């Protein structure tokens, strides 16, 4: 397995983990009071948007050649950091 493939595998696993976390947050939102639900759903929609941006970056990385993928790595890591921070923030709010 190349370094690129290993990196892609790690990112895909993290994205799957975050998808599960967002699903758990949505389940909490579904059981919240009506006033809180609106705010929670707004945050979940924001998380899904960031998740889609991260998924797009991963697809760009996967389609890059072995030589070019390093150039895309910074953008991917920025999207990952952004999504991770947003999920941690939402998880704290939902408690």
PDB file of N, CA and C in Angstrom:
ATOM      1  N   UNK A   1       0.849  -1.176   0.000  1.00  0.00           N
ATOM      2  CA  UNK A   1       0.000   0.000   0.000  1.00  0.00           C
ATOM      3  C   UNK A   1       0.895   1.241   0.000  1.00  0.00           C
ATOM      4  N   UNK A   2       0.611   2.145  -0.918  1.00  0.00           N
ATOM      5  CA  UNK A   2       1.409   3.366  -1.009  1.00  0.00           C
ATOM      6  C   UNK A   2       1.060   4.314   0.140  1.00  0.00           C
ATOM      7  N   UNK A   3       1.891   5.299   0.326  1.00  0.00           N
ATOM      8  CA  UNK A   3       1.640   6.296   1.362  1.00  0.00           C
ATOM      9  C   UNK A   3       0.328   7.031   1.070  1.00  0.00           C
ATOM     10  N   UNK A   4       0.072   7.314  -0.185  1.00  0.00           N
ATOM     11  CA  UNK A   4      -1.173   7.983  -0.588  1.00  0.00           C
ATOM     12  C   UNK A   4      -2.380   7.120  -0.227  1.00  0.00           C
ATOM     13  N   UNK A   5      -2.320   5.837  -0.556  1.00  0.00           N
ATOM     14  CA  UNK A   5      -3.442   4.935  -0.253  1.00  0.00           C
ATOM     15  C   UNK A   5      -3.673   4.823   1.248  1.00  0.00           C
ATOM     16  N   UNK A   6      -2.603   4.746   2.013  1.00  0.00           N
ATOM     17  CA  UNK A   6      -2.736   4.664   3.470  1.00  0.00           C
ATOM     18  C   UNK A   6      -3.379   5.938   4.022  1.00  0.00           C
ATOM     19  N   UNK A   7      -2.972   7.072   3.498  1.00  0.00           N
ATOM     20  CA  UNK A   7      -3.528   8.353   3.926  1.00  0.00           C
ATOM     21  C   UNK A   7      -5.017   8.434   3.580  1.00  0.00           C
ATOM     22  N   UNK A   8      -5.381   8.013   2.374  1.00  0.00           N
ATOM     23  CA  UNK A   8      -6.786   8.004   1.956  1.00  0.00           C
ATOM     24  C   UNK A   8      -7.616   7.091   2.858  1.00  0.00           C
ATOM     25  N   UNK A   9      -7.075   5.928   3.179  1.00  0.00           N
ATOM     26  CA  UNK A   9      -7.784   4.980   4.037  1.00  0.00           C
ATOM     27  C   UNK A   9      -8.029   5.581   5.426  1.00  0.00           C
ATOM     28  N   UNK A  10      -7.014   6.252   5.954  1.00  0.00           N
ATOM     29  CA  UNK A  10      -7.142   6.907   7.265  1.00  0.00           C
ATOM     30  C   UNK A  10      -8.217   7.986   7.226  1.00  0.00           C
ATOM     31  N   UNK A  11      -8.212   8.798   6.168  1.00  0.00           N
ATOM     32  CA  UNK A  11      -9.197   9.871   6.042  1.00  0.00           C
ATOM     33  C   UNK A  11     -10.606   9.317   5.885  1.00  0.00           C
ATOM     34  N   UNK A  12     -10.748   8.271   5.077  1.00  0.00           N
ATOM     35  CA  UNK A  12     -12.076   7.682   4.880  1.00  0.00           C
ATOM     36  C   UNK A  12     -12.615   7.115   6.196  1.00  0.00           C
ATOM     37  N   UNK A  13     -11.759   6.482   6.987  1.00  0.00           N
ATOM     38  CA  UNK A  13     -12.182   5.946   8.288  1.00  0.00           C
ATOM     39  C   UNK A  13     -12.619   7.082   9.216  1.00  0.00           C
ATOM     40  N   UNK A  14     -11.882   8.181   9.217  1.00  0.00           N
ATOM     41  CA  UNK A  14     -12.242   9.332  10.045  1.00  0.00           C
ATOM     42  C   UNK A  14     -13.570   9.925   9.584  1.00  0.00           C
ATOM     43  N   UNK A  15     -13.772  10.018   8.285  1.00  0.00           N
ATOM     44  CA  UNK A  15     -15.025  10.547   7.748  1.00  0.00           C
ATOM     45  C   UNK A  15     -16.200   9.658   8.147  1.00  0.00           C
ATOM     46  N   UNK A  16     -16.003   8.345   8.099  1.00  0.00           N
ATOM     47  CA  UNK A  16     -17.054   7.404   8.532  1.00  0.00           C
ATOM     48  C   UNK A  16     -17.363   7.578  10.012  1.00  0.00           C
ATOM     49  N   UNK A  17     -16.327   7.769  10.818  1.00  0.00           N
ATOM     50  CA  UNK A  17     -16.518   7.973  12.259  1.00  0.00           C
ATOM     51  C   UNK A  17     -17.303   9.257  12.514  1.00  0.00           C
ATOM     52  N   UNK A  18     -16.950  10.309  11.794  1.00  0.00           N
ATOM     53  CA  UNK A  18     -17.666  11.578  11.962  1.00  0.00           C
ATOM     54  C   UNK A  18     -19.105  11.476  11.492  1.00  0.00           C
ATOM     55  N   UNK A  19     -19.349  10.695  10.455  1.00  0.00           N
ATOM     56  CA  UNK A  19     -20.713  10.496   9.988  1.00  0.00           C
ATOM     57  C   UNK A  19     -21.551   9.850  11.093  1.00  0.00           C
ATOM     58  N   UNK A  20     -20.983   8.874  11.776  1.00  0.00           N
ATOM     59  CA  UNK A  20     -21.681   8.233  12.892  1.00  0.00           C
ATOM     60  C   UNK A  20     -21.942   9.226  14.014  1.00  0.00           C
ATOM     61  N   UNK A  21     -20.972  10.091  14.293  1.00  0.00           N
ATOM     62  CA  UNK A  21     -21.136  11.102  15.344  1.00  0.00           C
ATOM     63  C   UNK A  21     -22.247  12.082  14.972  1.00  0.00           C
ATOM     64  N   UNK A  22     -22.293  12.508  13.727  1.00  0.00           N
ATOM     65  CA  UNK A  22     -23.354  13.412  13.293  1.00  0.00           C
ATOM     66  C   UNK A  22     -24.714  12.724  13.410  1.00  0.00           C
ATOM     67  N   UNK A  23     -24.774  11.455  13.070  1.00  0.00           N
ATOM     68  CA  UNK A  23     -26.026  10.692  13.222  1.00  0.00           C
ATOM     69  C   UNK A  23     -26.453  10.634  14.687  1.00  0.00           C
ATOM     70  N   UNK A  24     -25.496  10.463  15.604  1.00  0.00           N
ATOM     71  CA  UNK A  24     -25.826  10.453  17.040  1.00  0.00           C
ATOM     72  C   UNK A  24     -26.351  11.823  17.482  1.00  0.00           C
ATOM     73  N   UNK A  25     -25.734  12.882  16.981  1.00  0.00           N
ATOM     74  CA  UNK A  25     -26.197  14.230  17.316  1.00  0.00           C
ATOM     75  C   UNK A  25     -27.604  14.466  16.775  1.00  0.00           C
ATOM     76  N   UNK A  26     -27.878  13.959  15.583  1.00  0.00           N
ATOM     77  CA  UNK A  26     -29.219  14.105  15.017  1.00  0.00           C
ATOM     78  C   UNK A  26     -30.240  13.358  15.871  1.00  0.00           C
ATOM     79  N   UNK A  27     -29.883  12.194  16.370  1.00  0.00           N
ATOM     80  CA  UNK A  27     -30.788  11.438  17.238  1.00  0.00           C
ATOM     81  C   UNK A  27     -31.086  12.233  18.512  1.00  0.00           C
ATOM     82  N   UNK A  28     -30.074  12.900  19.052  1.00  0.00           N
ATOM     83  CA  UNK A  28     -30.299  13.753  20.224  1.00  0.00           C
ATOM     84  C   UNK A  28     -31.222  14.911  19.871  1.00  0.00           C
ATOM     85  N   UNK A  29     -31.011  15.493  18.714  1.00  0.00           N
ATOM     86  CA  UNK A  29     -31.846  16.615  18.275  1.00  0.00           C
ATOM     87  C   UNK A  29     -33.290  16.166  18.096  1.00  0.00           C
ATOM     88  N   UNK A  30     -33.479  14.973  17.555  1.00  0.00           N
ATOM     89  CA  UNK A  30     -34.830  14.451  17.334  1.00  0.00           C
ATOM     90  C   UNK A  30     -35.602  14.309  18.641  1.00  0.00           C
ATOM     91  N   UNK A  31     -34.892  14.061  19.725  1.00  0.00           N
ATOM     92  CA  UNK A  31     -35.572  13.857  21.010  1.00  0.00           C
ATOM     93  C   UNK A  31     -35.574  15.116  21.884  1.00  0.00           C
ATOM     94  N   UNK A  32     -35.041  16.207  21.376  1.00  0.00           N
ATOM     95  CA  UNK A  32     -34.992  17.459  22.147  1.00  0.00           C
ATOM     96  C   UNK A  32     -36.338  18.179  22.076  1.00  0.00           C
ATOM     97  N   UNK A  33     -36.485  19.176  22.938  1.00  0.00           N
ATOM     98  CA  UNK A  33     -37.693  20.005  22.914  1.00  0.00           C
ATOM     99  C   UNK A  33     -37.722  20.819  21.622  1.00  0.00           C
ATOM    100  N   UNK A  34     -38.898  21.255  21.236  1.00  0.00           N
ATOM    101  CA  UNK A  34     -39.092  21.919  19.945  1.00  0.00           C
ATOM    102  C   UNK A  34     -38.170  23.119  19.752  1.00  0.00           C
ATOM    103  N   UNK A  35     -38.031  23.960  20.762  1.00  0.00           N
ATOM    104  CA  UNK A  35     -37.181  25.149  20.636  1.00  0.00           C
ATOM    105  C   UNK A  35     -35.728  24.756  20.381  1.00  0.00           C
ATOM    106  N   UNK A  36     -35.251  23.784  21.119  1.00  0.00           N
ATOM    107  CA  UNK A  36     -33.868  23.334  20.977  1.00  0.00           C
ATOM    108  C   UNK A  36     -33.666  22.607  19.653  1.00  0.00           C
ATOM    109  N   UNK A  37     -34.698  21.912  19.193  1.00  0.00           N
ATOM    110  CA  UNK A  37     -34.577  21.156  17.945  1.00  0.00           C
ATOM    111  C   UNK A  37     -34.174  22.051  16.776  1.00  0.00           C
ATOM    112  N   UNK A  38     -34.780  23.216  16.681  1.00  0.00           N
ATOM    113  CA  UNK A  38     -34.472  24.114  15.564  1.00  0.00           C
ATOM    114  C   UNK A  38     -32.998  24.486  15.542  1.00  0.00           C
ATOM    115  N   UNK A  39     -32.464  24.807  16.706  1.00  0.00           N
ATOM    116  CA  UNK A  39     -31.046  25.159  16.795  1.00  0.00           C
ATOM    117  C   UNK A  39     -30.173  23.951  16.473  1.00  0.00           C
ATOM    118  N   UNK A  40     -30.539  22.783  17.018  1.00  0.00           N
ATOM    119  CA  UNK A  40     -29.758  21.577  16.769  1.00  0.00           C
ATOM    120  C   UNK A  40     -29.755  21.225  15.287  1.00  0.00           C
ATOM    121  N   UNK A  41     -30.914  21.308  14.642  1.00  0.00           N
ATOM    122  CA  UNK A  41     -30.989  20.982  13.222  1.00  0.00           C
ATOM    123  C   UNK A  41     -30.155  21.942  12.384  1.00  0.00           C
ATOM    124  N   UNK A  42     -30.106  23.193  12.796  1.00  0.00           N
ATOM    125  CA  UNK A  42     -29.276  24.181  12.100  1.00  0.00           C
ATOM    126  C   UNK A  42     -27.806  23.764  12.178  1.00  0.00           C
ATOM    127  N   UNK A  43     -27.367  23.352  13.361  1.00  0.00           N
ATOM    128  CA  UNK A  43     -25.986  22.909  13.538  1.00  0.00           C
ATOM    129  C   UNK A  43     -25.704  21.632  12.747  1.00  0.00           C
ATOM    130  N   UNK A  44     -26.651  20.732  12.721  1.00  0.00           N
ATOM    131  CA  UNK A  44     -26.475  19.474  11.984  1.00  0.00           C
ATOM    132  C   UNK A  44     -26.359  19.754  10.491  1.00  0.00           C
ATOM    133  N   UNK A  45     -27.177  20.673   9.998  1.00  0.00           N
ATOM    134  CA  UNK A  45     -27.095  21.032   8.578  1.00  0.00           C
ATOM    135  C   UNK A  45     -25.721  21.620   8.248  1.00  0.00           C
ATOM    136  N   UNK A  46     -25.197  22.439   9.144  1.00  0.00           N
ATOM    137  CA  UNK A  46     -23.860  23.013   8.965  1.00  0.00           C
ATOM    138  C   UNK A  46     -22.804  21.903   8.959  1.00  0.00           C
ATOM    139  N   UNK A  47     -22.957  20.939   9.862  1.00  0.00           N
ATOM    140  CA  UNK A  47     -22.012  19.817   9.904  1.00  0.00           C
ATOM    141  C   UNK A  47     -22.066  19.009   8.611  1.00  0.00           C
ATOM    142  N   UNK A  48     -23.255  18.771   8.101  1.00  0.00           N
ATOM    143  CA  UNK A  48     -23.393  18.006   6.849  1.00  0.00           C
ATOM    144  C   UNK A  48     -22.748  18.758   5.685  1.00  0.00           C
ATOM    145  N   UNK A  49     -22.875  20.083   5.680  1.00  0.00           N
ATOM    146  CA  UNK A  49     -22.244  20.888   4.627  1.00  0.00           C
ATOM    147  C   UNK A  49     -20.726  20.764   4.703  1.00  0.00           C
ATOM    148  N   UNK A  50     -20.190  20.858   5.914  1.00  0.00           N
ATOM    149  CA  UNK A  50     -18.738  20.726   6.094  1.00  0.00           C
ATOM    150  C   UNK A  50     -18.278  19.311   5.778  1.00  0.00           C
ATOM    151  N   UNK A  51     -19.117  18.337   6.113  1.00  0.00           N
ATOM    152  CA  UNK A  51     -18.790  16.947   5.817  1.00  0.00           C
ATOM    153  C   UNK A  51     -18.717  16.738   4.303  1.00  0.00           C
ATOM    154  N   UNK A  52     -19.639  17.326   3.590  1.00  0.00           N
ATOM    155  CA  UNK A  52     -19.634  17.197   2.132  1.00  0.00           C
ATOM    156  C   UNK A  52     -18.396  17.870   1.534  1.00  0.00           C
ATOM    157  N   UNK A  53     -17.990  19.005   2.091  1.00  0.00           N
ATOM    158  CA  UNK A  53     -16.771  19.679   1.626  1.00  0.00           C
ATOM    159  C   UNK A  53     -15.553  18.787   1.863  1.00  0.00           C
ATOM    160  N   UNK A  54     -15.503  18.139   3.012  1.00  0.00           N
ATOM    161  CA  UNK A  54     -14.395  17.236   3.320  1.00  0.00           C
ATOM    162  C   UNK A  54     -14.407  16.036   2.378  1.00  0.00           C
ATOM    163  N   UNK A  55     -15.589  15.514   2.104  1.00  0.00           N
ATOM    164  CA  UNK A  55     -15.711  14.368   1.197  1.00  0.00           C
ATOM    165  C   UNK A  55     -15.235  14.757  -0.213  1.00  0.00           C
ATOM    166  N   UNK A  56     -15.569  15.966  -0.642  1.00  0.00           N
ATOM    167  CA  UNK A  56     -15.132  16.450  -1.953  1.00  0.00           C
ATOM    168  C   UNK A  56     -13.612  16.548  -2.011  1.00  0.00           C
ATOM    169  N   UNK A  57     -13.009  17.067  -0.939  1.00  0.00           N
ATOM    170  CA  UNK A  57     -11.549  17.166  -0.884  1.00  0.00           C
ATOM    171  C   UNK A  57     -10.916  15.775  -0.945  1.00  0.00           C
ATOM    172  N   UNK A  58     -11.517  14.814  -0.252  1.00  0.00           N
ATOM    173  CA  UNK A  58     -10.997  13.452  -0.284  1.00  0.00           C
ATOM    174  C   UNK A  58     -11.079  12.872  -1.694  1.00  0.00           C
ATOM    175  N   UNK A  59     -12.178  13.125  -2.386  1.00  0.00           N
ATOM    176  CA  UNK A  59     -12.321  12.633  -3.751  1.00  0.00           C
ATOM    177  C   UNK A  59     -11.274  13.268  -4.671  1.00  0.00           C
ATOM    178  N   UNK A  60     -10.994  14.561  -4.471  1.00  0.00           N
ATOM    179  CA  UNK A  60      -9.948  15.213  -5.257  1.00  0.00           C
ATOM    180  C   UNK A  60      -8.603  14.536  -5.004  1.00  0.00           C
ATOM    181  N   UNK A  61      -8.355  14.226  -3.745  1.00  0.00           N
ATOM    182  CA  UNK A  61      -7.105  13.561  -3.382  1.00  0.00           C
ATOM    183  C   UNK A  61      -7.024  12.176  -4.017  1.00  0.00           C
ATOM    184  N   UNK A  62      -8.120  11.437  -3.956  1.00  0.00           N
ATOM    185  CA  UNK A  62      -8.142  10.088  -4.524  1.00  0.00           C
ATOM    186  C   UNK A  62      -7.912  10.105  -6.034  1.00  0.00           C
ATOM    187  N   UNK A  63      -8.374  11.153  -6.700  1.00  0.00           N
ATOM    188  CA  UNK A  63      -8.226  11.256  -8.153  1.00  0.00           C
ATOM    189  C   UNK A  63      -6.884  11.842  -8.579  1.00  0.00           C
ATOM    190  N   UNK A  64      -6.125  12.334  -7.616  1.00  0.00           N
ATOM    191  CA  UNK A  64      -4.822  12.931  -7.929  1.00  0.00           C
ATOM    192  C   UNK A  64      -3.795  11.832  -8.192  1.00  0.00           C
ATOM    193  N   UNK A  65      -2.830  12.173  -8.988  1.00  0.00           N
ATOM    194  CA  UNK A  65      -1.759  11.216  -9.268  1.00  0.00           C
ATOM    195  C   UNK A  65      -0.873  11.054  -8.039  1.00  0.00           C
ATOM    196  N   UNK A  66      -0.062  10.027  -8.069  1.00  0.00           N
ATOM    197  CA  UNK A  66       0.868   9.780  -6.965  1.00  0.00           C
ATOM    198  C   UNK A  66       1.796  10.972  -6.752  1.00  0.00           C
ATOM    199  N   UNK A  67       2.126  11.672  -7.821  1.00  0.00           N
ATOM    200  CA  UNK A  67       3.032  12.816  -7.723  1.00  0.00           C
ATOM    201  C   UNK A  67       2.331  14.076  -7.213  1.00  0.00           C
ATOM    202  N   UNK A  68       1.040  14.234  -7.520  1.00  0.00           N
ATOM    203  CA  UNK A  68       0.342  15.487  -7.216  1.00  0.00           C
ATOM    204  C   UNK A  68      -0.401  15.481  -5.883  1.00  0.00           C
ATOM    205  N   UNK A  69      -0.606  14.339  -5.284  1.00  0.00           N
ATOM    206  CA  UNK A  69      -1.454  14.287  -4.102  1.00  0.00           C
ATOM    207  C   UNK A  69      -0.892  15.083  -2.940  1.00  0.00           C
ATOM    208  N   UNK A  70       0.413  15.158  -2.814  1.00  0.00           N
ATOM    209  CA  UNK A  70       1.028  15.935  -1.727  1.00  0.00           C
ATOM    210  C   UNK A  70       0.610  17.403  -1.801  1.00  0.00           C
ATOM    211  N   UNK A  71       0.420  17.910  -3.026  1.00  0.00           N
ATOM    212  CA  UNK A  71       0.005  19.299  -3.203  1.00  0.00           C
ATOM    213  C   UNK A  71      -1.402  19.543  -2.668  1.00  0.00           C
ATOM    214  N   UNK A  72      -2.233  18.531  -2.694  1.00  0.00           N
ATOM    215  CA  UNK A  72      -3.618  18.651  -2.227  1.00  0.00           C
ATOM    216  C   UNK A  72      -3.761  18.414  -0.724  1.00  0.00           C
ATOM    217  N   UNK A  73      -2.745  17.868  -0.137  1.00  0.00           N
ATOM    218  CA  UNK A  73      -2.806  17.446   1.263  1.00  0.00           C
ATOM    219  C   UNK A  73      -3.164  18.602   2.213  1.00  0.00           C
ATOM    220  N   UNK A  74      -2.625  19.784   2.006  1.00  0.00           N
ATOM    221  CA  UNK A  74      -2.899  20.915   2.897  1.00  0.00           C
ATOM    222  C   UNK A  74      -4.374  21.292   2.867  1.00  0.00           C
ATOM    223  N   UNK A  75      -4.981  21.307   1.689  1.00  0.00           N
ATOM    224  CA  UNK A  75      -6.410  21.618   1.584  1.00  0.00           C
ATOM    225  C   UNK A  75      -7.269  20.571   2.254  1.00  0.00           C
ATOM    226  N   UNK A  76      -6.882  19.330   2.103  1.00  0.00           N
ATOM    227  CA  UNK A  76      -7.618  18.231   2.737  1.00  0.00           C
ATOM    228  C   UNK A  76      -7.529  18.358   4.259  1.00  0.00           C
ATOM    229  N   UNK A  77      -6.338  18.597   4.755  1.00  0.00           N
ATOM    230  CA  UNK A  77      -6.162  18.705   6.199  1.00  0.00           C
ATOM    231  C   UNK A  77      -6.909  19.902   6.766  1.00  0.00           C
ATOM    232  N   UNK A  78      -6.998  20.981   6.019  1.00  0.00           N
ATOM    233  CA  UNK A  78      -7.758  22.148   6.460  1.00  0.00           C
ATOM    234  C   UNK A  78      -9.246  21.802   6.574  1.00  0.00           C
ATOM    235  N   UNK A  79      -9.780  21.108   5.581  1.00  0.00           N
ATOM    236  CA  UNK A  79     -11.187  20.693   5.608  1.00  0.00           C
ATOM    237  C   UNK A  79     -11.433  19.728   6.767  1.00  0.00           C
ATOM    238  N   UNK A  80     -10.478  18.835   7.019  1.00  0.00           N
ATOM    239  CA  UNK A  80     -10.602  17.865   8.110  1.00  0.00           C
ATOM    240  C   UNK A  80     -10.596  18.575   9.462  1.00  0.00           C
ATOM    241  N   UNK A  81      -9.687  19.526   9.624  1.00  0.00           N
ATOM    242  CA  UNK A  81      -9.615  20.279  10.881  1.00  0.00           C
ATOM    243  C   UNK A  81     -10.904  21.053  11.116  1.00  0.00           C
ATOM    244  N   UNK A  82     -11.424  21.663  10.057  1.00  0.00           N
ATOM    245  CA  UNK A  82     -12.648  22.439  10.144  1.00  0.00           C
ATOM    246  C   UNK A  82     -13.825  21.561  10.573  1.00  0.00           C
ATOM    247  N   UNK A  83     -13.968  20.424   9.933  1.00  0.00           N
ATOM    248  CA  UNK A  83     -15.067  19.515  10.271  1.00  0.00           C
ATOM    249  C   UNK A  83     -14.902  18.949  11.678  1.00  0.00           C
ATOM    250  N   UNK A  84     -13.705  18.537  12.031  1.00  0.00           N
ATOM    251  CA  UNK A  84     -13.467  17.986  13.372  1.00  0.00           C
ATOM    252  C   UNK A  84     -13.790  18.984  14.459  1.00  0.00           C
ATOM    253  N   UNK A  85     -13.364  20.224  14.277  1.00  0.00           N
ATOM    254  CA  UNK A  85     -13.645  21.284  15.249  1.00  0.00           C
ATOM    255  C   UNK A  85     -15.150  21.531  15.359  1.00  0.00           C
ATOM    256  N   UNK A  86     -15.831  21.568  14.231  1.00  0.00           N
ATOM    257  CA  UNK A  86     -17.272  21.805  14.227  1.00  0.00           C
ATOM    258  C   UNK A  86     -18.025  20.680  14.934  1.00  0.00           C
ATOM    259  N   UNK A  87     -17.600  19.452  14.735  1.00  0.00           N
ATOM    260  CA  UNK A  87     -18.259  18.317  15.390  1.00  0.00           C
ATOM    261  C   UNK A  87     -18.021  18.360  16.893  1.00  0.00           C
ATOM    262  N   UNK A  88     -16.795  18.657  17.302  1.00  0.00           N
ATOM    263  CA  UNK A  88     -16.514  18.759  18.747  1.00  0.00           C
ATOM    264  C   UNK A  88     -17.330  19.882  19.375  1.00  0.00           C
ATOM    265  N   UNK A  89     -17.442  20.991  18.689  1.00  0.00           N
ATOM    266  CA  UNK A  89     -18.221  22.116  19.193  1.00  0.00           C
ATOM    267  C   UNK A  89     -19.698  21.765  19.312  1.00  0.00           C
ATOM    268  N   UNK A  90     -20.242  21.114  18.297  1.00  0.00           N
ATOM    269  CA  UNK A  90     -21.643  20.716  18.324  1.00  0.00           C
ATOM    270  C   UNK A  90     -21.903  19.697  19.426  1.00  0.00           C
ATOM    271  N   UNK A  91     -21.002  18.742  19.592  1.00  0.00           N
ATOM    272  CA  UNK A  91     -21.165  17.732  20.636  1.00  0.00           C
ATOM    273  C   UNK A  91     -21.212  18.384  22.013  1.00  0.00           C
ATOM    274  N   UNK A  92     -20.412  19.421  22.213  1.00  0.00           N
ATOM    275  CA  UNK A  92     -20.409  20.138  23.487  1.00  0.00           C
ATOM    276  C   UNK A  92     -21.735  20.873  23.682  1.00  0.00           C
ATOM    277  N   UNK A  93     -22.254  21.488  22.638  1.00  0.00           N
ATOM    278  CA  UNK A  93     -23.529  22.211  22.719  1.00  0.00           C
ATOM    279  C   UNK A  93     -24.697  21.283  22.975  1.00  0.00           C
ATOM    280  N   UNK A  94     -24.643  20.102  22.441  1.00  0.00           N
ATOM    281  CA  UNK A  94     -25.771  19.170  22.531  1.00  0.00           C
ATOM    282  C   UNK A  94     -25.867  18.468  23.876  1.00  0.00           C
ATOM    283  N   UNK A  95     -24.869  18.646  24.720  1.00  0.00           N
ATOM    284  CA  UNK A  95     -24.893  17.957  26.024  1.00  0.00           C
ATOM    285  C   UNK A  95     -25.881  18.565  26.969  1.00  0.00           C
TER     286      UNK A  95
END
